[in-house]
Protein backbone atom coordinates (compact mmCIF):
# COMPACT_ATOMS: atom_id res chain seq x y z
CA MET A 1 -26.22 183.86 239.10
CA LYS A 2 -22.79 183.91 240.36
CA THR A 3 -21.33 186.90 242.23
CA LEU A 4 -17.82 188.77 241.35
CA LEU A 5 -16.05 190.36 244.61
CA ILE A 6 -13.53 192.95 243.10
CA VAL A 7 -11.59 194.54 246.62
CA ALA A 8 -9.52 197.72 245.20
CA HIS A 9 -7.60 199.73 247.05
CA ALA A 10 -7.84 202.48 244.65
CA VAL A 11 -6.83 205.59 246.60
CA SER A 12 -5.40 207.84 243.69
CA PRO A 13 -6.80 208.83 240.51
CA ASN A 14 -4.99 206.15 238.59
CA LEU A 15 -6.00 202.83 240.52
CA ARG A 16 -9.36 204.19 240.25
CA ARG A 17 -8.98 204.55 236.33
CA LEU A 18 -7.85 200.24 237.06
CA LEU A 19 -10.92 199.78 239.60
CA ALA A 20 -13.32 200.76 236.93
CA ALA A 21 -11.90 199.26 234.00
CA LEU A 22 -12.07 195.80 235.73
CA ARG A 23 -15.70 196.82 236.77
CA SER A 24 -16.32 197.61 233.14
CA GLY A 25 -15.07 194.44 232.28
CA ALA A 26 -16.76 192.56 234.35
CA LYS A 27 -20.46 194.15 233.63
CA THR A 28 -19.26 193.22 229.63
CA GLY A 29 -18.06 189.82 230.12
CA GLY A 30 -20.52 188.52 233.33
CA GLU A 31 -24.04 190.78 231.33
CA ASP A 32 -26.67 189.26 233.15
CA GLN A 33 -25.42 186.27 235.10
CA VAL A 34 -23.17 187.59 236.84
CA ARG A 35 -23.18 190.00 239.88
CA ILE A 36 -20.30 192.53 240.80
CA LEU A 37 -20.00 193.64 244.01
CA SER A 38 -17.26 196.05 244.44
CA LEU A 39 -15.56 197.58 247.41
CA SER A 40 -12.62 198.66 249.57
CA PRO A 41 -10.73 196.30 251.54
CA PHE A 42 -12.18 198.12 254.76
CA GLU A 43 -15.28 197.44 253.34
CA THR A 44 -15.02 193.96 253.10
CA GLU A 45 -16.20 191.70 255.73
CA PRO A 46 -15.93 188.11 255.58
CA GLN A 47 -19.80 187.49 254.80
CA HIS A 48 -18.68 189.16 251.19
CA VAL A 49 -16.31 186.57 250.88
CA LEU A 50 -18.12 183.46 252.02
CA ALA A 51 -20.83 184.71 249.25
CA ALA A 52 -18.19 185.71 246.32
CA ASP A 53 -17.91 182.66 243.66
CA GLY A 54 -14.60 184.29 242.68
CA ILE A 55 -12.74 187.50 243.59
CA LEU A 56 -10.70 190.55 241.42
CA LEU A 57 -8.01 191.99 243.78
CA LEU A 58 -6.63 195.42 243.29
CA THR A 59 -3.37 196.95 245.52
CA PRO A 60 -0.85 199.21 244.83
CA GLU A 61 2.59 198.40 245.71
CA ASN A 62 3.58 200.21 249.04
CA LEU A 63 7.04 199.72 250.35
CA ALA A 64 7.32 196.62 247.92
CA TYR A 65 4.21 194.99 249.45
CA MET A 66 0.23 194.96 249.51
CA SER A 67 -1.18 198.55 250.62
CA GLY A 68 -1.91 197.99 254.48
CA ALA A 69 -5.30 198.17 253.66
CA LEU A 70 -5.59 194.92 251.84
CA LYS A 71 -3.57 193.57 254.12
CA ASP A 72 -6.35 194.57 257.02
CA PHE A 73 -8.72 192.64 254.77
CA PHE A 74 -6.85 189.24 254.89
CA ASP A 75 -6.32 189.84 258.33
CA ARG A 76 -10.31 190.24 259.23
CA SER A 77 -11.03 187.61 256.40
CA TYR A 78 -8.48 184.42 256.61
CA TYR A 79 -10.29 182.35 259.72
CA PRO A 80 -13.31 183.18 258.89
CA THR A 81 -14.00 182.09 255.44
CA LEU A 82 -10.21 179.85 255.90
CA ASP A 83 -12.84 176.04 256.06
CA HIS A 84 -15.34 177.53 253.61
CA LYS A 85 -13.80 178.63 250.48
CA GLN A 86 -11.10 176.85 249.18
CA GLY A 87 -10.91 176.45 245.81
CA LEU A 88 -12.40 180.80 245.15
CA PRO A 89 -11.19 181.42 241.87
CA TYR A 90 -9.15 184.72 242.18
CA ALA A 91 -7.12 186.83 239.93
CA LEU A 92 -4.81 189.60 241.74
CA VAL A 93 -3.67 193.31 240.01
CA VAL A 94 -0.56 195.19 241.32
CA ARG A 95 0.03 198.93 240.44
CA ALA A 96 3.88 199.02 240.69
CA GLY A 97 5.76 201.82 240.84
CA ASN A 98 9.21 199.27 241.27
CA ASP A 99 8.58 195.67 240.08
CA GLY A 100 5.73 194.16 241.93
CA SER A 101 7.20 191.11 242.90
CA GLY A 102 7.27 191.82 246.50
CA THR A 103 3.77 192.24 246.75
CA VAL A 104 2.59 189.01 244.63
CA ALA A 105 4.82 187.02 246.65
CA GLY A 106 2.74 188.80 249.93
CA VAL A 107 -0.48 187.89 248.33
CA GLU A 108 0.55 184.61 247.64
CA ARG A 109 1.56 183.61 250.21
CA ILE A 110 -1.91 184.20 251.44
CA VAL A 111 -4.07 182.95 249.73
CA THR A 112 -2.01 179.93 249.18
CA GLY A 113 -3.13 179.60 252.88
CA LEU A 114 -6.45 179.80 251.97
CA ARG A 115 -6.46 177.66 249.17
CA TRP A 116 -7.53 180.17 246.65
CA LYS A 117 -6.88 179.05 243.19
CA ALA A 118 -5.72 181.82 240.39
CA VAL A 119 -7.28 181.51 237.41
CA ALA A 120 -4.54 184.16 235.78
CA GLU A 121 -0.82 185.66 236.15
CA PRO A 122 -0.82 188.22 238.72
CA LEU A 123 -0.89 191.53 236.69
CA ILE A 124 1.54 193.85 236.68
CA CYS A 125 1.19 197.46 235.70
CA ARG A 126 4.74 198.41 236.47
CA GLY A 127 6.55 201.77 236.43
CA GLU A 128 5.09 204.81 234.75
CA PHE A 129 1.02 204.51 233.90
CA GLN A 130 -0.19 203.92 230.38
CA ASP A 131 -3.63 203.34 229.07
CA ALA A 132 -2.69 199.43 228.56
CA PHE A 133 -2.89 198.78 231.92
CA VAL A 134 -6.61 200.18 231.58
CA ASP A 135 -6.75 198.22 228.60
CA ASP A 136 -5.00 194.84 230.52
CA CYS A 137 -7.78 195.46 233.51
CA HIS A 138 -10.66 195.41 231.19
CA ASP A 139 -9.88 192.59 229.61
CA LEU A 140 -8.70 190.52 233.13
CA GLY A 141 -12.33 192.12 234.29
CA ALA A 142 -13.96 190.52 231.34
CA ALA A 143 -12.29 187.05 231.87
CA MET A 144 -12.96 186.53 234.45
CA ALA A 145 -17.02 187.46 234.68
CA ALA A 146 -17.66 185.35 231.17
CA GLY A 147 -15.71 181.92 232.99
CA LEU A 148 -18.15 182.47 236.29
CA GLY A 149 -20.87 183.03 234.22
CA SER A 150 -20.04 180.58 231.48
CA GLY A 151 -19.36 177.90 234.78
CA VAL A 152 -15.77 177.47 233.57
CA LEU A 153 -14.48 178.97 236.63
């Protein structure tokens, strides 16, 4: 069985809706082939990353950057996982009040150093909250889990 790790800084009701959609989609897409582990960045330890076959990241845009919680996760996990998880499939969701580009650039700099592999374009949910963001997160979770479960990722 594959493990999909969801690291989500879901501090607002709308971010929690996006997280729920990622989980629901992953459950649908992975059926019985993918174990879903969903943790906050503060709960996530390097051993969770080491045990993961894929990772979904969810962060709000904070001052044109990722949340401090997600940065803390990367700070604690970077060196313990660096030589062990090269090629790890990942996808990123940003809830952006502005354009989200600074957040994406910050995350991409770090995952480039980790040598993780993006399996989808960053999903930037920008502007006023829309129900379509929930649908997009559900679809991303389903696609990621289906890819892991089928061995494509």
